[in-house]
Amino acid sequence: MKIGFVVNDLDTECADYTTTRLALTALGMGHEAWYISLADFGYDADASIVASARSAPRKKYATGETFLTAVRGEKGIAERIVMTDLDVVLLRSDPSEDAIERPWAAQAGVLFCRRAMGQGLIVLNHPDGLARALNKMYFQDFPESVRPRTIITRDRNDIKAFAKAEGGQIVLKPLQGSGGQSVFLVHKADSSNLNQMIDAVSRDGYIVAQEYLPAAEQGDVRMFVMNGQPLMTKGKYAAFRRVRAGGDMRSNISAGGTIAKATINDVMHQIAELVRPKLVMDGMFLIGLDIVGDKLMEINVFSPGGLGSAESPEKVDFTRTVIESLERKVRYAANYRRGSDNAVIAML
């Protein structure tokens, strides 16, 4: 099986990234793992979608670091490939990383892979679903019962009115972005500084103002969902708890949060079940749910990370389960001569 991994830029990939773990596991299972950066796509005169891709020599690698070094190094395999020569592609690029400095790249993965999908390539997550999820407005398509109360605006008077209705305590964050960037917790005592906070967030565009969830003080749980169901291996859930660092309201690892073992309860199962129909309809093969108490804070459909953080406390390999699911999808497509809809294949 030839698997393509679309990333923002191969040079910025790290050994502990979920994408690296998936690629290394695929290689260890006898498959080919090809990296494609967003700047490396092309559309040929015969309408073929091509890419300058890189892979590592077929051998055993002890660590993700040695594997990435091999992919990038002189002995790495560099080829100009036709995308439909691959069996499946995982779209693992994050548009928010390129929104400011490389806006041309933000949608490149979706655009080129959607075209290749139309020529028979299996693309996961489904490009049409990802196109609908290019910013946090997508979150508002999920059931109201699992979402914090929210407004989206650039009008500071609307935000002030919302803060007053919420008792003075709300969360502000940009409509586009990830990793806890430009996120503010507004307290009642911060009313004199609210204008400055609004200005800081509005530099990135529209502002999401959200109900504050007191349970967030205990951190949140990242739970992986694959094929519309919580991802499990050997009876263990692919999930972990993120705990805040000191007084920082953000529990993102990139913001200094720490990892702890997660306990998946009935409320989390109910949340996963409530969002499942939308995920299935949109062909969201592998996603991450960020859960606080009985609410969702985020649904991560672009390059959800942290499988390694889930593996560490549970002592199981979740990446193998993901690759095994890809193997089944490729078999299904072959059996039906690739006549099946990509969104359907994505969730089988």
Protein backbone atom coordinates (compact mmCIF):
# COMPACT_ATOMS: atom_id res chain seq x y z
CA MET A 1 0.00 0.00 0.00
CA LYS A 2 1.31 3.45 -0.94
CA ILE A 3 0.24 6.10 1.58
CA GLY A 4 0.68 9.83 1.06
CA PHE A 5 0.96 12.18 4.04
CA VAL A 6 0.20 15.80 3.16
CA VAL A 7 1.87 18.17 5.64
CA ASN A 8 2.37 21.93 5.77
CA ASP A 9 6.13 21.61 5.27
CA LEU A 10 8.33 18.54 5.66
CA ASP A 11 11.08 20.71 7.15
CA THR A 12 8.90 21.64 10.13
CA GLU A 13 7.72 18.12 10.96
CA CYS A 14 8.85 16.74 14.33
CA ALA A 15 9.63 13.24 15.57
CA ASP A 16 6.81 13.21 18.13
CA TYR A 17 4.09 14.35 15.71
CA THR A 18 1.18 11.98 15.12
CA THR A 19 1.91 12.14 11.38
CA THR A 20 5.46 10.90 11.97
CA ARG A 21 4.20 8.07 14.14
CA LEU A 22 1.64 7.03 11.52
CA ALA A 23 4.20 7.12 8.70
CA LEU A 24 6.77 5.15 10.71
CA THR A 25 4.19 2.54 11.67
CA ALA A 26 3.04 2.21 8.06
CA LEU A 27 6.64 1.64 6.97
CA GLY A 28 7.09 -0.98 9.68
CA MET A 29 3.97 -2.78 8.42
CA GLY A 30 5.46 -3.08 4.94
CA HIS A 31 3.83 -0.06 3.29
CA GLU A 32 5.32 2.95 1.52
CA ALA A 33 5.02 6.30 3.29
CA TRP A 34 5.36 9.41 1.11
CA TYR A 35 5.53 12.97 2.46
CA ILE A 36 4.06 15.80 0.39
CA SER A 37 4.47 19.44 1.43
CA LEU A 38 1.86 22.02 0.43
CA ALA A 39 4.31 23.75 -1.93
CA ASP A 40 4.96 20.53 -3.87
CA PHE A 41 1.71 19.94 -5.77
CA GLY A 42 1.22 20.41 -9.49
CA TYR A 43 -1.46 20.15 -12.18
CA ASP A 44 -0.11 18.69 -15.43
CA ALA A 45 -1.27 19.36 -18.98
CA ASP A 46 -3.02 15.96 -19.09
CA ALA A 47 -5.03 16.97 -15.96
CA SER A 48 -2.98 14.70 -13.69
CA ILE A 49 -2.37 15.91 -10.14
CA VAL A 50 1.31 15.43 -9.34
CA ALA A 51 3.58 16.11 -6.39
CA SER A 52 7.26 16.20 -5.50
CA ALA A 53 7.25 13.61 -2.71
CA ARG A 54 9.83 12.17 -0.36
CA SER A 55 10.11 8.81 1.34
CA ALA A 56 12.64 6.92 3.45
CA PRO A 57 14.59 3.84 2.35
CA ARG A 58 12.92 0.57 3.34
CA LYS A 59 14.56 -0.38 6.64
CA LYS A 60 13.83 -0.41 10.34
CA TYR A 61 14.11 2.92 12.17
CA ALA A 62 14.55 2.98 15.93
CA THR A 63 13.03 6.43 16.44
CA GLY A 64 10.94 9.03 14.69
CA GLU A 65 13.98 11.28 14.65
CA THR A 66 16.11 8.83 12.66
CA PHE A 67 13.17 8.19 10.34
CA LEU A 68 12.64 11.90 9.58
CA THR A 69 16.38 12.36 9.10
CA ALA A 70 16.31 9.58 6.52
CA VAL A 71 13.32 11.12 4.72
CA ARG A 72 14.99 14.53 4.52
CA GLY A 73 18.56 13.37 3.97
CA GLU A 74 20.67 12.60 0.91
CA LYS A 75 19.65 8.93 1.01
CA GLY A 76 15.98 9.83 1.14
CA ILE A 77 13.90 8.92 -1.90
CA ALA A 78 12.68 11.92 -3.89
CA GLU A 79 10.23 11.36 -6.75
CA ARG A 80 7.75 13.31 -8.81
CA ILE A 81 4.68 11.14 -8.36
CA VAL A 82 1.23 11.09 -9.90
CA MET A 83 -1.16 11.31 -6.96
CA THR A 84 -3.46 8.58 -8.28
CA ASP A 85 -0.53 6.15 -8.15
CA LEU A 86 -0.95 6.30 -4.39
CA ASP A 87 -3.56 4.10 -2.71
CA VAL A 88 -4.65 6.58 -0.06
CA VAL A 89 -3.72 10.06 1.13
CA LEU A 90 -4.01 11.47 4.64
CA LEU A 91 -4.52 15.24 4.62
CA ARG A 92 -2.50 16.18 7.70
CA SER A 93 -1.87 19.87 6.99
CA ASP A 94 -3.24 22.58 9.30
CA PRO A 95 -4.57 25.65 7.39
CA SER A 96 -4.20 27.90 10.43
CA GLU A 97 -0.41 27.48 10.37
CA ASP A 98 -0.26 29.13 6.94
CA ALA A 99 -3.13 31.61 7.19
CA ILE A 100 -0.90 34.63 7.92
CA GLU A 101 2.49 34.09 6.29
CA ARG A 102 1.53 31.73 3.44
CA PRO A 103 -2.18 32.31 2.74
CA TRP A 104 -1.78 30.70 -0.71
CA ALA A 105 -0.90 27.42 1.05
CA ALA A 106 -3.78 27.29 3.53
CA GLN A 107 -6.20 25.58 1.14
CA ALA A 108 -3.69 23.95 -1.23
CA GLY A 109 -4.03 20.47 0.26
CA VAL A 110 -7.80 20.51 0.00
CA LEU A 111 -7.77 21.96 -3.53
CA PHE A 112 -5.28 19.57 -5.12
CA CYS A 113 -6.39 16.48 -3.21
CA ARG A 114 -10.04 17.12 -4.05
CA ARG A 115 -9.08 17.08 -7.73
CA ALA A 116 -7.09 13.85 -7.28
CA MET A 117 -10.03 12.38 -5.38
CA GLY A 118 -12.20 13.01 -8.44
CA GLN A 119 -9.72 10.88 -10.41
CA GLY A 120 -10.10 7.92 -8.04
CA LEU A 121 -7.75 8.57 -5.13
CA ILE A 122 -8.94 7.89 -1.57
CA VAL A 123 -8.41 11.09 0.44
CA LEU A 124 -8.90 11.28 4.22
CA ASN A 125 -10.34 13.27 5.80
CA HIS A 126 -12.82 13.91 3.00
CA PRO A 127 -11.75 17.15 1.22
CA ASP A 128 -15.31 18.44 0.86
CA GLY A 129 -15.82 18.03 4.60
CA LEU A 130 -12.53 19.77 5.35
CA ALA A 131 -13.46 22.64 3.03
CA ARG A 132 -16.50 23.24 5.24
CA ALA A 133 -14.32 23.18 8.34
CA LEU A 134 -11.72 25.79 7.41
CA ASN A 135 -12.54 27.86 10.49
CA LYS A 136 -14.31 27.55 13.85
CA MET A 137 -17.71 28.36 12.31
CA TYR A 138 -17.87 24.63 11.48
CA PHE A 139 -18.16 23.93 15.20
CA GLN A 140 -21.54 25.66 15.23
CA ASP A 141 -22.97 22.96 12.92
CA PHE A 142 -22.92 20.43 15.76
CA PRO A 143 -25.76 19.97 18.27
CA GLU A 144 -26.33 22.97 20.51
CA SER A 145 -26.52 20.73 23.56
CA VAL A 146 -22.80 19.89 23.35
CA ARG A 147 -21.52 23.40 22.61
CA PRO A 148 -20.82 26.35 24.93
CA ARG A 149 -23.00 29.42 24.30
CA THR A 150 -21.26 31.38 21.56
CA ILE A 151 -21.37 34.51 19.44
CA ILE A 152 -19.09 35.33 16.49
CA THR A 153 -18.58 38.99 15.67
CA ARG A 154 -16.18 41.91 15.23
CA ASP A 155 -18.52 44.32 17.03
CA ARG A 156 -17.12 45.17 20.47
CA ASN A 157 -20.56 46.25 21.70
CA ASP A 158 -21.95 42.78 20.94
CA ILE A 159 -19.08 41.22 22.86
CA LYS A 160 -19.59 43.52 25.84
CA ALA A 161 -23.30 42.72 25.90
CA PHE A 162 -22.53 39.00 25.73
CA ALA A 163 -20.01 39.32 28.57
CA LYS A 164 -22.59 41.13 30.70
CA ALA A 165 -25.19 38.42 30.01
CA GLU A 166 -22.62 35.78 31.04
CA GLY A 167 -21.88 37.48 34.34
CA GLY A 168 -18.67 39.10 33.12
CA GLN A 169 -16.68 35.89 32.52
CA ILE A 170 -16.20 34.72 28.93
CA VAL A 171 -13.52 33.33 26.61
CA LEU A 172 -12.31 35.22 23.53
CA LYS A 173 -10.47 33.57 20.63
CA PRO A 174 -10.02 34.09 16.89
CA LEU A 175 -12.37 32.42 14.42
CA GLN A 176 -9.30 31.07 12.65
CA GLY A 177 -6.38 29.60 14.55
CA SER A 178 -5.28 26.66 16.68
CA GLY A 179 -2.92 25.71 19.48
CA GLY A 180 -4.38 28.16 21.99
CA GLN A 181 -3.09 31.23 20.15
CA SER A 182 -4.69 34.61 21.03
CA VAL A 183 -7.06 33.04 23.56
CA PHE A 184 -8.17 35.21 26.51
CA LEU A 185 -10.19 34.46 29.62
CA VAL A 186 -12.12 37.58 30.53
CA HIS A 187 -13.04 38.03 34.21
CA LYS A 188 -15.59 40.47 35.56
CA ALA A 189 -12.71 42.53 36.97
CA ASP A 190 -11.18 42.79 33.49
CA SER A 191 -13.89 45.06 32.08
CA SER A 192 -11.48 47.99 31.84
CA ASN A 193 -9.11 45.90 29.70
CA LEU A 194 -11.77 44.29 27.51
CA ASN A 195 -11.21 46.73 24.64
CA GLN A 196 -7.52 45.81 24.48
CA MET A 197 -8.32 42.09 24.49
CA ILE A 198 -10.85 42.56 21.71
CA ASP A 199 -8.30 44.53 19.68
CA ALA A 200 -5.68 41.79 20.15
CA VAL A 201 -7.99 39.02 18.93
CA SER A 202 -9.61 41.04 16.14
CA ARG A 203 -6.23 41.48 14.44
CA ASP A 204 -6.74 37.90 13.20
CA GLY A 205 -10.27 38.60 11.93
CA TYR A 206 -13.57 37.63 13.49
CA ILE A 207 -13.83 36.94 17.21
CA VAL A 208 -15.42 33.94 18.90
CA ALA A 209 -16.86 34.91 22.31
CA GLN A 210 -17.80 31.86 24.33
CA GLU A 211 -19.40 30.90 27.60
CA TYR A 212 -16.75 30.10 30.22
CA LEU A 213 -16.91 26.53 31.51
CA PRO A 214 -15.72 26.28 35.14
CA ALA A 215 -14.79 22.62 34.56
CA ALA A 216 -11.98 23.90 32.32
CA GLU A 217 -9.98 24.60 35.48
CA GLN A 218 -9.37 20.84 35.65
CA GLY A 219 -8.16 20.82 32.03
CA ASP A 220 -9.75 19.01 29.11
CA VAL A 221 -9.76 15.58 27.49
CA ARG A 222 -8.62 14.95 23.92
CA MET A 223 -10.46 11.88 22.63
CA PHE A 224 -9.77 10.49 19.18
CA VAL A 225 -12.65 9.35 17.01
CA MET A 226 -12.06 7.14 13.96
CA ASN A 227 -14.73 6.06 11.49
CA GLY A 228 -17.31 7.84 13.67
CA GLN A 229 -16.47 5.83 16.81
CA PRO A 230 -14.06 6.40 19.72
CA LEU A 231 -10.70 4.97 18.66
CA MET A 232 -9.81 1.91 20.72
CA THR A 233 -7.02 -0.68 20.74
CA LYS A 234 -7.02 -3.72 23.02
CA GLY A 235 -9.88 -2.25 25.03
CA LYS A 236 -8.04 1.05 25.63
CA TYR A 237 -9.27 4.45 24.43
CA ALA A 238 -7.07 6.75 22.41
CA ALA A 239 -7.47 9.69 24.78
CA PHE A 240 -5.55 11.78 27.29
CA ARG A 241 -6.20 14.59 29.75
CA ARG A 242 -4.47 17.94 29.33
CA VAL A 243 -3.86 19.82 32.56
CA ARG A 244 -3.24 23.56 32.73
CA ALA A 245 0.17 24.99 33.52
CA GLY A 246 -0.10 27.25 36.58
CA GLY A 247 -2.64 30.04 36.07
CA ASP A 248 -2.78 29.71 32.28
CA MET A 249 -6.37 29.02 31.20
CA ARG A 250 -5.18 27.09 28.13
CA SER A 251 -4.50 23.38 28.47
CA ASN A 252 -2.95 23.02 24.98
CA ILE A 253 0.40 21.25 25.09
CA SER A 254 1.81 24.01 22.89
CA ALA A 255 0.78 26.44 25.64
CA GLY A 256 2.58 24.52 28.39
CA GLY A 257 -0.15 22.09 29.42
CA THR A 258 0.83 18.68 30.79
CA ILE A 259 -0.48 15.19 30.04
CA ALA A 260 -2.37 12.84 32.34
CA LYS A 261 -4.34 9.62 31.85
CA ALA A 262 -7.95 10.17 30.80
CA THR A 263 -11.00 8.34 32.11
CA ILE A 264 -13.70 8.08 29.44
CA ASN A 265 -17.14 8.29 31.05
CA ASP A 266 -20.75 8.00 29.87
CA VAL A 267 -21.01 11.76 29.23
CA MET A 268 -18.07 11.62 26.83
CA HIS A 269 -19.61 8.64 25.07
CA GLN A 270 -22.86 10.58 24.71
CA ILE A 271 -21.02 13.57 23.23
CA ALA A 272 -19.25 11.31 20.72
CA GLU A 273 -22.57 9.76 19.76
CA LEU A 274 -24.24 13.15 19.29
CA VAL A 275 -21.53 14.40 16.92
CA ARG A 276 -21.17 11.11 15.04
CA PRO A 277 -23.88 11.74 12.38
CA LYS A 278 -22.25 14.99 11.26
CA LEU A 279 -18.79 13.41 11.20
CA VAL A 280 -20.10 10.53 9.10
CA MET A 281 -21.90 12.83 6.65
CA ASP A 282 -18.73 14.91 6.22
CA GLY A 283 -16.39 11.92 5.83
CA MET A 284 -14.24 12.82 8.85
CA PHE A 285 -12.16 9.65 9.19
CA LEU A 286 -9.89 10.65 12.09
CA ILE A 287 -10.63 13.61 14.36
CA GLY A 288 -9.99 14.81 17.90
CA LEU A 289 -12.70 15.89 20.33
CA ASP A 290 -11.67 18.31 23.09
CA ILE A 291 -14.10 17.82 25.96
CA VAL A 292 -14.58 19.92 29.11
CA GLY A 293 -17.13 18.55 31.55
CA ASP A 294 -20.27 17.89 29.51
CA LYS A 295 -19.34 20.20 26.62
CA LEU A 296 -17.12 20.21 23.57
CA MET A 297 -14.53 22.97 23.33
CA GLU A 298 -13.16 22.05 19.91
CA ILE A 299 -13.52 19.49 17.13
CA ASN A 300 -10.13 19.02 15.49
CA VAL A 301 -10.50 17.74 11.94
CA PHE A 302 -7.22 19.07 10.50
CA SER A 303 -4.18 17.08 11.61
CA PRO A 304 -5.44 16.11 15.10
CA GLY A 305 -2.34 15.47 17.18
CA GLY A 306 -1.49 13.68 20.38
CA LEU A 307 -1.73 9.97 19.60
CA GLY A 308 1.65 9.55 21.26
CA SER A 309 0.31 11.30 24.35
CA ALA A 310 -2.55 8.78 24.41
CA GLU A 311 -0.21 5.83 23.87
CA SER A 312 2.13 6.73 26.71
CA PRO A 313 -0.26 6.15 29.67
CA GLU A 314 -2.18 3.32 27.98
CA LYS A 315 0.87 1.37 26.74
CA VAL A 316 -0.76 0.43 23.43
CA ASP A 317 -0.04 1.32 19.79
CA PHE A 318 -3.00 3.25 18.37
CA THR A 319 -1.19 4.08 15.14
CA ARG A 320 -1.29 0.45 14.02
CA THR A 321 -5.08 0.43 14.42
CA VAL A 322 -5.29 3.52 12.18
CA ILE A 323 -3.11 1.95 9.47
CA GLU A 324 -5.12 -1.27 9.62
CA SER A 325 -8.26 0.79 8.97
CA LEU A 326 -6.57 2.33 5.91
CA GLU A 327 -5.76 -1.18 4.66
CA ARG A 328 -9.43 -2.12 4.84
CA LYS A 329 -10.50 1.02 2.98
CA VAL A 330 -8.06 0.32 0.16
CA ARG A 331 -9.42 -3.24 -0.11
CA TYR A 332 -13.00 -1.95 -0.21
CA ALA A 333 -12.13 0.50 -2.98
CA ALA A 334 -10.34 -2.21 -4.97
CA ASN A 335 -13.24 -4.63 -4.62
CA TYR A 336 -15.67 -2.03 -5.94
CA ARG A 337 -13.25 -0.75 -8.59
CA ARG A 338 -12.99 2.60 -6.84
CA GLY A 339 -16.59 3.32 -7.72
CA SER A 340 -17.54 4.14 -4.16
CA ASP A 341 -18.02 7.66 -2.87
CA ASN A 342 -14.96 8.98 -1.03
CA ALA A 343 -17.07 10.21 1.90
CA VAL A 344 -18.50 6.70 2.33
CA ILE A 345 -15.12 4.96 2.07
CA ALA A 346 -13.77 7.45 4.61
CA MET A 347 -16.10 6.12 7.30
CA LEU A 348 -16.16 2.38 6.56
